N, C-alpha and C. Protein backbone atom coordinates (compact mmCIF):
# COMPACT_ATOMS: atom_id res chain seq x y z
N UNK A 1 103.59 71.52 169.38
CA UNK A 1 104.15 72.73 168.79
C UNK A 1 103.14 73.30 167.81
N UNK A 2 102.65 74.49 168.09
CA UNK A 2 101.59 75.07 167.29
C UNK A 2 102.06 75.54 165.93
N UNK A 3 101.09 75.52 165.01
CA UNK A 3 101.35 76.00 163.65
C UNK A 3 100.92 77.45 163.54
N UNK A 4 101.74 78.26 162.89
CA UNK A 4 101.42 79.65 162.64
C UNK A 4 101.82 80.01 161.22
N UNK A 5 100.88 80.55 160.40
CA UNK A 5 101.25 80.97 159.05
C UNK A 5 102.37 81.99 159.05
N UNK A 6 102.38 82.87 160.06
CA UNK A 6 103.43 83.89 160.14
C UNK A 6 104.78 83.22 160.38
N UNK A 7 104.80 82.23 161.28
CA UNK A 7 106.05 81.52 161.56
C UNK A 7 106.53 80.77 160.32
N UNK A 8 105.59 80.20 159.56
CA UNK A 8 105.96 79.54 158.31
C UNK A 8 106.55 80.54 157.33
N UNK A 9 105.90 81.69 157.21
CA UNK A 9 106.33 82.73 156.27
C UNK A 9 107.78 83.13 156.54
N UNK A 10 108.12 83.30 157.81
CA UNK A 10 109.46 83.75 158.17
C UNK A 10 110.41 82.60 158.50
N UNK A 11 109.96 81.35 158.24
CA UNK A 11 110.83 80.21 158.48
C UNK A 11 111.14 79.99 159.94
N UNK A 12 110.17 80.24 160.82
CA UNK A 12 110.43 80.19 162.26
C UNK A 12 109.66 79.08 162.98
N UNK A 13 109.07 78.15 162.22
CA UNK A 13 108.48 76.99 162.88
C UNK A 13 109.60 76.14 163.49
N UNK A 14 109.26 75.45 164.58
CA UNK A 14 110.27 74.65 165.28
C UNK A 14 110.47 73.31 164.58
N UNK A 15 111.02 73.36 163.38
CA UNK A 15 111.31 72.13 162.63
C UNK A 15 112.50 71.42 163.27
N UNK A 16 112.67 70.15 162.94
CA UNK A 16 113.66 69.33 163.64
C UNK A 16 115.09 69.77 163.36
N UNK A 17 115.34 70.34 162.19
CA UNK A 17 116.70 70.82 161.94
C UNK A 17 117.05 71.99 162.86
N UNK A 18 116.07 72.85 163.15
CA UNK A 18 116.31 73.97 164.06
C UNK A 18 116.45 73.47 165.50
N UNK A 19 115.57 72.53 165.88
CA UNK A 19 115.66 71.97 167.23
C UNK A 19 117.00 71.27 167.45
N UNK A 20 117.50 70.63 166.40
CA UNK A 20 118.80 69.94 166.49
C UNK A 20 119.93 70.95 166.67
N UNK A 21 119.86 72.06 165.94
CA UNK A 21 120.88 73.11 166.07
C UNK A 21 120.87 73.73 167.46
N UNK A 22 119.68 73.81 168.06
CA UNK A 22 119.57 74.38 169.40
C UNK A 22 119.95 73.38 170.49
N UNK A 23 120.20 72.12 170.12
CA UNK A 23 120.57 71.10 171.09
C UNK A 23 119.39 70.52 171.84
N UNK A 24 118.18 70.72 171.32
CA UNK A 24 116.98 70.22 171.99
C UNK A 24 116.77 68.73 171.70
N UNK A 25 117.10 68.30 170.47
CA UNK A 25 116.94 66.89 170.09
C UNK A 25 118.25 66.40 169.49
N UNK A 26 118.42 65.10 169.44
CA UNK A 26 119.66 64.52 168.92
C UNK A 26 119.60 64.20 167.44
N UNK A 27 118.39 64.08 166.89
CA UNK A 27 118.24 63.67 165.49
C UNK A 27 117.30 64.61 164.76
N UNK A 28 117.70 65.05 163.56
CA UNK A 28 116.90 66.00 162.78
C UNK A 28 116.11 65.32 161.67
N UNK A 29 116.11 63.99 161.66
CA UNK A 29 115.48 63.28 160.54
C UNK A 29 113.97 63.53 160.48
N UNK A 30 113.46 63.73 159.28
CA UNK A 30 112.05 63.94 159.04
C UNK A 30 111.25 62.70 159.44
N UNK A 31 110.17 62.90 160.21
CA UNK A 31 109.38 61.76 160.66
C UNK A 31 108.38 61.30 159.61
N UNK A 32 108.23 62.06 158.54
CA UNK A 32 107.29 61.65 157.49
C UNK A 32 107.95 60.67 156.51
N UNK A 33 109.22 60.91 156.20
CA UNK A 33 109.90 60.02 155.25
C UNK A 33 111.03 59.22 155.88
N UNK A 34 111.49 59.63 157.08
CA UNK A 34 112.57 58.98 157.83
C UNK A 34 113.85 58.83 157.02
N UNK A 35 114.06 59.76 156.07
CA UNK A 35 115.25 59.66 155.21
C UNK A 35 116.09 60.93 155.26
N UNK A 36 115.47 62.08 155.12
CA UNK A 36 116.19 63.35 155.04
C UNK A 36 115.95 64.18 156.30
N UNK A 37 116.84 65.16 156.51
CA UNK A 37 116.62 66.07 157.64
C UNK A 37 115.39 66.93 157.40
N UNK A 38 114.66 67.21 158.48
CA UNK A 38 113.44 68.00 158.39
C UNK A 38 113.75 69.49 158.50
N UNK A 39 113.53 70.21 157.39
CA UNK A 39 113.59 71.67 157.36
C UNK A 39 112.23 72.17 156.88
N UNK A 40 112.04 73.48 156.89
CA UNK A 40 110.80 74.02 156.35
C UNK A 40 110.60 73.56 154.90
N UNK A 41 111.64 73.73 154.12
CA UNK A 41 111.57 73.41 152.69
C UNK A 41 111.27 71.94 152.49
N UNK A 42 111.99 71.08 153.21
CA UNK A 42 111.80 69.65 153.03
C UNK A 42 110.43 69.20 153.52
N UNK A 43 110.07 69.59 154.75
CA UNK A 43 108.84 69.09 155.36
C UNK A 43 107.61 69.40 154.51
N UNK A 44 107.50 70.64 154.04
CA UNK A 44 106.28 71.06 153.36
C UNK A 44 106.29 70.85 151.85
N UNK A 45 107.49 70.80 151.24
CA UNK A 45 107.52 70.76 149.78
C UNK A 45 108.51 69.79 149.17
N UNK A 46 109.42 69.22 149.97
CA UNK A 46 110.42 68.33 149.39
C UNK A 46 110.28 66.89 149.80
N UNK A 47 109.63 66.64 150.91
CA UNK A 47 109.47 65.28 151.43
C UNK A 47 108.60 64.45 150.47
N UNK A 48 108.98 63.21 150.17
CA UNK A 48 108.16 62.37 149.29
C UNK A 48 106.72 62.21 149.78
N UNK A 49 106.54 62.15 151.10
CA UNK A 49 105.19 62.07 151.67
C UNK A 49 104.40 63.33 151.29
N UNK A 50 105.01 64.49 151.49
CA UNK A 50 104.34 65.77 151.21
C UNK A 50 104.06 65.95 149.72
N UNK A 51 105.03 65.61 148.89
CA UNK A 51 104.84 65.82 147.45
C UNK A 51 103.73 64.94 146.89
N UNK A 52 103.51 63.76 147.49
CA UNK A 52 102.41 62.92 147.01
C UNK A 52 101.07 63.56 147.32
N UNK A 53 100.99 64.26 148.47
CA UNK A 53 99.75 64.99 148.80
C UNK A 53 99.59 66.19 147.88
N UNK A 54 100.67 66.95 147.70
CA UNK A 54 100.63 68.14 146.84
C UNK A 54 100.22 67.79 145.42
N UNK A 55 100.76 66.71 144.91
CA UNK A 55 100.50 66.35 143.51
C UNK A 55 99.00 66.22 143.27
N UNK A 56 98.29 65.61 144.19
CA UNK A 56 96.84 65.42 144.04
C UNK A 56 96.13 66.76 143.90
N UNK A 57 96.46 67.71 144.78
CA UNK A 57 95.74 68.98 144.78
C UNK A 57 96.23 69.94 143.69
N UNK A 58 97.47 69.80 143.28
CA UNK A 58 97.93 70.60 142.14
C UNK A 58 97.17 70.21 140.88
N UNK A 59 97.01 68.91 140.69
CA UNK A 59 96.26 68.44 139.52
C UNK A 59 94.79 68.85 139.63
N UNK A 60 94.21 68.72 140.82
CA UNK A 60 92.81 69.10 141.03
C UNK A 60 92.56 70.57 140.72
N UNK A 61 93.55 71.40 141.00
CA UNK A 61 93.40 72.84 140.77
C UNK A 61 93.99 73.28 139.43
N UNK A 62 94.25 72.29 138.55
CA UNK A 62 94.76 72.57 137.19
C UNK A 62 96.06 73.35 137.22
N UNK A 63 96.90 73.07 138.21
CA UNK A 63 98.23 73.68 138.28
C UNK A 63 99.22 72.62 137.82
N UNK A 64 99.63 72.73 136.59
CA UNK A 64 100.48 71.70 136.00
C UNK A 64 101.94 72.12 136.09
N UNK A 65 102.51 71.91 137.26
CA UNK A 65 103.89 72.25 137.50
C UNK A 65 104.37 71.44 138.70
N UNK A 66 105.69 71.32 138.88
CA UNK A 66 106.18 70.59 140.05
C UNK A 66 105.75 71.30 141.34
N UNK A 67 105.88 70.59 142.44
CA UNK A 67 105.54 71.15 143.74
C UNK A 67 106.34 72.42 143.99
N UNK A 68 105.69 73.44 144.53
CA UNK A 68 106.34 74.72 144.79
C UNK A 68 107.51 74.58 145.76
N UNK A 69 108.64 75.25 145.50
CA UNK A 69 109.56 75.51 146.61
C UNK A 69 108.87 76.45 147.59
N UNK A 70 109.28 76.46 148.84
CA UNK A 70 108.61 77.24 149.86
C UNK A 70 108.51 78.72 149.50
N UNK A 71 109.60 79.34 149.10
CA UNK A 71 109.60 80.76 148.79
C UNK A 71 108.64 81.06 147.64
N UNK A 72 108.66 80.23 146.60
CA UNK A 72 107.77 80.45 145.47
C UNK A 72 106.31 80.30 145.88
N UNK A 73 106.03 79.36 146.77
CA UNK A 73 104.65 79.17 147.24
C UNK A 73 104.16 80.41 147.98
N UNK A 74 105.01 80.97 148.84
CA UNK A 74 104.64 82.17 149.59
C UNK A 74 104.40 83.34 148.64
N UNK A 75 105.29 83.49 147.64
CA UNK A 75 105.12 84.56 146.67
C UNK A 75 103.84 84.36 145.86
N UNK A 76 103.52 83.13 145.50
CA UNK A 76 102.31 82.84 144.73
C UNK A 76 101.07 83.21 145.54
N UNK A 77 101.08 82.89 146.84
CA UNK A 77 99.95 83.24 147.70
C UNK A 77 99.80 84.75 147.80
N UNK A 78 100.92 85.47 147.96
CA UNK A 78 100.87 86.93 148.05
C UNK A 78 100.26 87.54 146.80
N UNK A 79 100.60 86.98 145.63
CA UNK A 79 100.12 87.53 144.37
C UNK A 79 98.64 87.24 144.16
N UNK A 80 98.20 86.04 144.55
CA UNK A 80 96.85 85.59 144.20
C UNK A 80 95.81 85.70 145.31
N UNK A 81 96.21 86.09 146.51
CA UNK A 81 95.25 86.04 147.62
C UNK A 81 94.10 87.03 147.45
N UNK A 82 94.27 88.03 146.59
CA UNK A 82 93.18 88.97 146.34
C UNK A 82 92.30 88.55 145.17
N UNK A 83 92.58 87.37 144.59
CA UNK A 83 91.83 86.92 143.43
C UNK A 83 90.39 86.62 143.77
N UNK A 84 89.52 86.88 142.81
CA UNK A 84 88.09 86.74 143.07
C UNK A 84 87.50 85.46 142.47
N UNK A 85 88.23 84.79 141.59
CA UNK A 85 87.65 83.62 140.94
C UNK A 85 87.61 82.45 141.91
N UNK A 86 86.61 81.60 141.72
CA UNK A 86 86.47 80.43 142.59
C UNK A 86 87.69 79.53 142.50
N UNK A 87 88.25 79.37 141.30
CA UNK A 87 89.41 78.50 141.13
C UNK A 87 90.60 79.02 141.94
N UNK A 88 90.80 80.34 141.93
CA UNK A 88 91.90 80.92 142.70
C UNK A 88 91.68 80.72 144.19
N UNK A 89 90.46 80.95 144.65
CA UNK A 89 90.14 80.77 146.06
C UNK A 89 90.34 79.32 146.50
N UNK A 90 89.92 78.39 145.65
CA UNK A 90 90.09 76.98 145.99
C UNK A 90 91.56 76.60 146.04
N UNK A 91 92.36 77.16 145.14
CA UNK A 91 93.79 76.88 145.15
C UNK A 91 94.43 77.41 146.42
N UNK A 92 94.03 78.59 146.86
CA UNK A 92 94.58 79.17 148.09
C UNK A 92 94.16 78.35 149.31
N UNK A 93 92.90 77.95 149.35
CA UNK A 93 92.43 77.14 150.47
C UNK A 93 93.14 75.79 150.49
N UNK A 94 93.32 75.21 149.31
CA UNK A 94 94.03 73.93 149.20
C UNK A 94 95.44 74.06 149.76
N UNK A 95 96.12 75.13 149.36
CA UNK A 95 97.51 75.36 149.81
C UNK A 95 97.57 75.47 151.32
N UNK A 96 96.70 76.30 151.89
CA UNK A 96 96.70 76.51 153.34
C UNK A 96 96.36 75.22 154.09
N UNK A 97 95.38 74.48 153.58
CA UNK A 97 94.95 73.25 154.26
C UNK A 97 96.02 72.17 154.19
N UNK A 98 96.67 72.02 153.04
CA UNK A 98 97.72 71.01 152.91
C UNK A 98 98.87 71.31 153.86
N UNK A 99 99.32 72.56 153.90
CA UNK A 99 100.43 72.92 154.79
C UNK A 99 100.06 72.65 156.24
N UNK A 100 98.86 73.07 156.63
CA UNK A 100 98.43 72.87 158.02
C UNK A 100 98.39 71.39 158.38
N UNK A 101 97.81 70.57 157.52
CA UNK A 101 97.64 69.16 157.86
C UNK A 101 98.94 68.37 157.75
N UNK A 102 99.89 68.84 156.95
CA UNK A 102 101.22 68.22 156.97
C UNK A 102 101.91 68.48 158.30
N UNK A 103 101.79 69.70 158.79
CA UNK A 103 102.38 70.05 160.09
C UNK A 103 101.70 69.26 161.21
N UNK A 104 100.38 69.15 161.11
CA UNK A 104 99.62 68.39 162.10
C UNK A 104 100.01 66.92 162.08
N UNK A 105 100.21 66.34 160.91
CA UNK A 105 100.62 64.95 160.80
C UNK A 105 101.99 64.74 161.40
N UNK A 106 102.88 65.67 161.14
CA UNK A 106 104.23 65.61 161.70
C UNK A 106 104.17 65.59 163.23
N UNK A 107 103.34 66.46 163.81
CA UNK A 107 103.23 66.52 165.27
C UNK A 107 102.56 65.30 165.86
N UNK A 108 101.58 64.74 165.17
CA UNK A 108 100.91 63.53 165.65
C UNK A 108 101.91 62.37 165.74
N UNK A 109 102.79 62.30 164.76
CA UNK A 109 103.77 61.21 164.77
C UNK A 109 104.78 61.38 165.91
N UNK A 110 105.15 62.63 166.17
CA UNK A 110 106.16 62.89 167.21
C UNK A 110 105.58 62.75 168.61
N UNK A 111 104.42 63.35 168.84
CA UNK A 111 103.90 63.47 170.20
C UNK A 111 102.84 62.42 170.57
N UNK A 112 102.22 61.81 169.57
CA UNK A 112 101.17 60.85 169.87
C UNK A 112 101.46 59.44 169.35
N UNK A 113 102.53 59.31 168.56
CA UNK A 113 102.86 58.01 168.01
C UNK A 113 101.82 57.50 167.03
N UNK A 114 101.08 58.42 166.42
CA UNK A 114 100.02 58.05 165.46
C UNK A 114 100.42 58.54 164.08
N UNK A 115 99.96 57.83 163.04
CA UNK A 115 100.33 58.23 161.69
C UNK A 115 99.20 57.99 160.72
N UNK A 116 99.18 58.77 159.65
CA UNK A 116 98.21 58.62 158.57
C UNK A 116 98.96 58.42 157.26
N UNK A 117 98.29 57.88 156.27
CA UNK A 117 98.87 57.73 154.94
C UNK A 117 98.62 59.01 154.15
N UNK A 118 99.35 59.21 153.05
CA UNK A 118 99.06 60.37 152.20
C UNK A 118 97.61 60.41 151.74
N UNK A 119 97.04 59.25 151.42
CA UNK A 119 95.64 59.21 150.98
C UNK A 119 94.69 59.69 152.09
N UNK A 120 95.02 59.37 153.32
CA UNK A 120 94.18 59.83 154.43
C UNK A 120 94.29 61.34 154.62
N UNK A 121 95.47 61.89 154.45
CA UNK A 121 95.65 63.35 154.52
C UNK A 121 94.87 64.01 153.38
N UNK A 122 94.95 63.44 152.21
CA UNK A 122 94.22 63.98 151.06
C UNK A 122 92.72 64.00 151.35
N UNK A 123 92.21 62.94 151.95
CA UNK A 123 90.79 62.86 152.27
C UNK A 123 90.38 63.94 153.26
N UNK A 124 91.21 64.18 154.27
CA UNK A 124 90.89 65.20 155.27
C UNK A 124 90.91 66.59 154.64
N UNK A 125 91.93 66.87 153.84
CA UNK A 125 92.03 68.19 153.19
C UNK A 125 90.86 68.39 152.22
N UNK A 126 90.51 67.35 151.48
CA UNK A 126 89.38 67.45 150.55
C UNK A 126 88.09 67.78 151.30
N UNK A 127 87.93 67.20 152.50
CA UNK A 127 86.76 67.49 153.31
C UNK A 127 86.73 68.95 153.74
N UNK A 128 87.89 69.49 154.09
CA UNK A 128 88.00 70.91 154.45
C UNK A 128 87.58 71.79 153.28
N UNK A 129 88.06 71.44 152.09
CA UNK A 129 87.75 72.24 150.90
C UNK A 129 86.27 72.17 150.57
N UNK A 130 85.68 70.99 150.69
CA UNK A 130 84.23 70.87 150.44
C UNK A 130 83.43 71.73 151.41
N UNK A 131 83.87 71.77 152.66
CA UNK A 131 83.20 72.62 153.64
C UNK A 131 83.32 74.09 153.28
N UNK A 132 84.49 74.48 152.80
CA UNK A 132 84.70 75.87 152.39
C UNK A 132 83.79 76.23 151.22
N UNK A 133 83.71 75.34 150.24
CA UNK A 133 82.86 75.59 149.07
C UNK A 133 81.40 75.74 149.49
N UNK A 134 80.95 74.90 150.41
CA UNK A 134 79.56 74.97 150.87
C UNK A 134 79.29 76.31 151.55
N UNK A 135 80.24 76.77 152.37
CA UNK A 135 80.08 78.07 153.04
C UNK A 135 80.03 79.20 152.03
N UNK A 136 80.94 79.18 151.03
CA UNK A 136 80.98 80.25 150.03
C UNK A 136 79.70 80.28 149.22
N UNK A 137 79.14 79.12 148.91
CA UNK A 137 77.90 79.08 148.15
C UNK A 137 76.75 79.68 148.95
N UNK A 138 76.71 79.38 150.23
CA UNK A 138 75.66 79.96 151.08
C UNK A 138 75.84 81.47 151.18
N UNK A 139 77.09 81.93 151.34
CA UNK A 139 77.33 83.37 151.41
C UNK A 139 76.89 84.05 150.13
N UNK A 140 77.18 83.41 149.00
CA UNK A 140 76.80 83.99 147.71
C UNK A 140 75.29 84.12 147.60
N UNK A 141 74.57 83.09 148.07
CA UNK A 141 73.11 83.13 147.98
C UNK A 141 72.53 84.19 148.90
N UNK A 142 73.15 84.37 150.07
CA UNK A 142 72.66 85.37 151.01
C UNK A 142 72.97 86.78 150.52
N UNK A 143 74.19 86.95 149.96
CA UNK A 143 74.62 88.28 149.57
C UNK A 143 74.13 88.69 148.19
N UNK A 144 73.67 87.72 147.42
CA UNK A 144 73.25 88.02 146.06
C UNK A 144 72.08 89.01 146.07
N UNK A 145 72.21 90.01 145.24
CA UNK A 145 71.15 91.01 145.18
C UNK A 145 69.92 90.39 144.53
N UNK A 146 68.80 90.52 145.21
CA UNK A 146 67.55 89.96 144.73
C UNK A 146 66.69 91.08 144.18
N UNK A 147 66.19 90.91 142.96
CA UNK A 147 65.31 91.91 142.38
C UNK A 147 64.01 91.96 143.17
N UNK A 148 63.28 93.07 143.09
CA UNK A 148 62.01 93.17 143.84
C UNK A 148 61.14 91.94 143.62
N UNK A 149 60.62 91.39 144.70
CA UNK A 149 59.85 90.17 144.64
C UNK A 149 58.45 90.42 144.08
N UNK A 150 57.89 91.57 144.42
CA UNK A 150 56.51 91.84 144.07
C UNK A 150 56.38 92.96 143.05
N UNK A 151 55.44 92.79 142.15
CA UNK A 151 55.04 93.85 141.22
C UNK A 151 53.71 94.43 141.69
N UNK A 152 53.24 95.45 141.00
CA UNK A 152 51.94 96.02 141.37
C UNK A 152 50.82 94.99 141.18
N UNK A 153 50.95 94.16 140.16
CA UNK A 153 49.96 93.11 139.95
C UNK A 153 49.93 92.14 141.13
N UNK A 154 51.12 91.85 141.68
CA UNK A 154 51.17 90.98 142.84
C UNK A 154 50.38 91.58 144.00
N UNK A 155 50.48 92.89 144.14
CA UNK A 155 49.76 93.58 145.21
C UNK A 155 48.25 93.37 145.06
N UNK A 156 47.80 93.37 143.83
CA UNK A 156 46.36 93.25 143.58
C UNK A 156 45.88 91.80 143.64
N UNK A 157 46.71 90.90 143.10
CA UNK A 157 46.24 89.53 142.88
C UNK A 157 46.91 88.46 143.74
N UNK A 158 47.98 88.82 144.46
CA UNK A 158 48.72 87.82 145.21
C UNK A 158 48.00 87.35 146.45
N UNK A 159 48.40 86.18 146.99
CA UNK A 159 47.80 85.67 148.22
C UNK A 159 48.16 86.57 149.40
N UNK A 160 47.26 86.68 150.35
CA UNK A 160 47.50 87.49 151.54
C UNK A 160 47.50 86.61 152.77
N UNK A 161 48.11 87.12 153.82
CA UNK A 161 48.17 86.39 155.08
C UNK A 161 48.26 87.39 156.22
N UNK A 162 48.01 86.91 157.41
CA UNK A 162 48.19 87.75 158.59
C UNK A 162 49.67 87.74 158.96
N UNK A 163 50.27 88.91 158.88
CA UNK A 163 51.69 89.06 159.21
C UNK A 163 51.91 90.49 159.66
N UNK A 164 52.63 90.67 160.74
CA UNK A 164 52.84 92.01 161.30
C UNK A 164 54.01 92.70 160.61
N UNK A 165 53.74 93.83 160.01
CA UNK A 165 54.78 94.59 159.32
C UNK A 165 55.79 95.13 160.34
N UNK A 166 57.08 94.92 160.12
CA UNK A 166 58.09 95.42 161.07
C UNK A 166 58.24 96.94 161.03
N UNK A 167 57.65 97.58 160.02
CA UNK A 167 57.78 99.03 159.88
C UNK A 167 56.61 99.78 160.50
N UNK A 168 55.36 99.34 160.16
CA UNK A 168 54.18 100.08 160.61
C UNK A 168 53.25 99.26 161.50
N UNK A 169 53.57 97.99 161.70
CA UNK A 169 52.78 97.08 162.54
C UNK A 169 51.41 96.72 161.95
N UNK A 170 51.20 97.03 160.68
CA UNK A 170 49.95 96.62 160.02
C UNK A 170 49.91 95.09 160.01
N UNK A 171 48.70 94.53 160.07
CA UNK A 171 48.61 93.09 160.32
C UNK A 171 48.39 92.20 159.12
N UNK A 172 48.41 92.75 157.88
CA UNK A 172 48.21 91.91 156.71
C UNK A 172 49.26 92.22 155.65
N UNK A 173 49.61 91.19 154.87
CA UNK A 173 50.64 91.36 153.85
C UNK A 173 50.42 90.37 152.71
N UNK A 174 50.86 90.76 151.52
CA UNK A 174 50.99 89.82 150.41
C UNK A 174 52.22 88.97 150.70
N UNK A 175 52.18 87.69 150.35
CA UNK A 175 53.36 86.87 150.60
C UNK A 175 53.67 85.99 149.39
N UNK A 176 54.92 85.60 149.31
CA UNK A 176 55.37 84.68 148.27
C UNK A 176 56.54 83.89 148.81
N UNK A 177 56.58 82.58 148.51
CA UNK A 177 57.67 81.72 148.96
C UNK A 177 58.57 81.36 147.79
N UNK A 178 59.88 81.48 148.00
CA UNK A 178 60.86 81.17 146.96
C UNK A 178 62.00 80.36 147.57
N UNK A 179 62.58 79.48 146.75
CA UNK A 179 63.75 78.71 147.16
C UNK A 179 64.98 79.46 146.66
N UNK A 180 65.59 80.27 147.52
CA UNK A 180 66.75 81.06 147.10
C UNK A 180 68.05 80.53 147.69
N UNK A 181 67.94 79.54 148.59
CA UNK A 181 69.14 78.93 149.17
C UNK A 181 69.32 77.53 148.61
N UNK A 182 70.24 76.78 149.17
CA UNK A 182 70.48 75.43 148.68
C UNK A 182 69.25 74.57 148.89
N UNK A 183 69.16 73.48 148.11
CA UNK A 183 67.94 72.66 148.10
C UNK A 183 67.62 72.04 149.44
N UNK A 184 68.63 71.84 150.30
CA UNK A 184 68.37 71.21 151.59
C UNK A 184 67.94 72.21 152.65
N UNK A 185 67.82 73.50 152.28
CA UNK A 185 67.37 74.52 153.20
C UNK A 185 65.89 74.82 152.96
N UNK A 186 65.16 75.28 153.99
CA UNK A 186 63.75 75.61 153.79
C UNK A 186 63.57 76.82 152.89
N UNK A 187 62.37 76.96 152.33
CA UNK A 187 62.07 78.09 151.46
C UNK A 187 62.02 79.38 152.27
N UNK A 188 62.29 80.49 151.60
CA UNK A 188 62.19 81.81 152.22
C UNK A 188 60.84 82.42 151.88
N UNK A 189 60.24 83.11 152.84
CA UNK A 189 58.95 83.77 152.63
C UNK A 189 59.15 85.28 152.56
N UNK A 190 58.69 85.88 151.47
CA UNK A 190 58.79 87.32 151.27
C UNK A 190 57.41 87.95 151.49
N UNK A 191 57.40 89.09 152.18
CA UNK A 191 56.15 89.77 152.48
C UNK A 191 56.18 91.21 151.94
N UNK A 192 54.97 91.74 151.61
CA UNK A 192 54.80 93.14 151.23
C UNK A 192 53.60 93.66 152.00
N UNK A 193 53.86 94.62 152.87
CA UNK A 193 52.82 95.19 153.71
C UNK A 193 51.68 95.75 152.86
N UNK A 194 50.44 95.44 153.25
CA UNK A 194 49.26 95.89 152.51
C UNK A 194 48.79 97.29 152.92
N UNK A 195 49.46 97.88 153.87
CA UNK A 195 49.18 99.28 154.21
C UNK A 195 49.70 100.16 153.06
N UNK A 196 48.79 100.82 152.33
CA UNK A 196 49.18 101.58 151.15
C UNK A 196 50.15 102.71 151.48
N UNK A 197 50.13 103.17 152.72
CA UNK A 197 51.05 104.24 153.11
C UNK A 197 52.43 103.71 153.49
N UNK A 198 52.55 102.39 153.54
CA UNK A 198 53.82 101.77 153.97
C UNK A 198 54.49 101.03 152.81
N UNK A 199 53.92 99.88 152.45
CA UNK A 199 54.51 99.10 151.36
C UNK A 199 55.85 98.45 151.70
N UNK A 200 56.12 98.29 152.99
CA UNK A 200 57.38 97.68 153.43
C UNK A 200 57.50 96.23 152.94
N UNK A 201 58.70 95.84 152.46
CA UNK A 201 58.97 94.45 152.10
C UNK A 201 59.95 93.87 153.10
N UNK A 202 59.73 92.61 153.49
CA UNK A 202 60.67 91.94 154.37
C UNK A 202 60.67 90.44 154.09
N UNK A 203 61.64 89.78 154.68
CA UNK A 203 61.84 88.36 154.38
C UNK A 203 62.00 87.58 155.68
N UNK A 204 61.48 86.37 155.68
CA UNK A 204 61.67 85.45 156.81
C UNK A 204 62.14 84.11 156.27
N UNK A 205 63.22 83.56 156.86
CA UNK A 205 63.77 82.27 156.42
C UNK A 205 63.30 81.15 157.32
């Protein structure tokens, strides 16, 4: 049974309480805690298994409050999804990842007979968040406005190399190498065409 944020928003995921009402299954008990009936509210925010996962990420994101009821969580996402701060973005990613992996864990137990502990779910979600942070950092470095690399003095005194200008096809340029990305990435080479009528600057990674 696939997960859809829209279905979650409108309470239309095929949770066991709904399947039981439709006569599809005989038992509505939550497979994560095996104690209470599985509803949207219980599965994602009320189940002891789920709340143990939530508690870790709420503390990590400096959100000092009990686990969200479902409606409040949806409203909080609506209010904060346009936020620009890294902390807000991480909180939103944490929320989305926890909900998704709780649903995935529920389905693994039902359809594959496999189960994970809350600590294992936390580890998987943390890995997702680390990947997101790495992507955002790379995007920031790529999108960051870089001041002109070369001054007039660089034109006169900088090292030159054979490089074909993409604008005028002149074959020589001043060059400079800078580390503008993460440390595990190669340096970027910046060029300034030596054709005085051109002066084109370009970059190669």
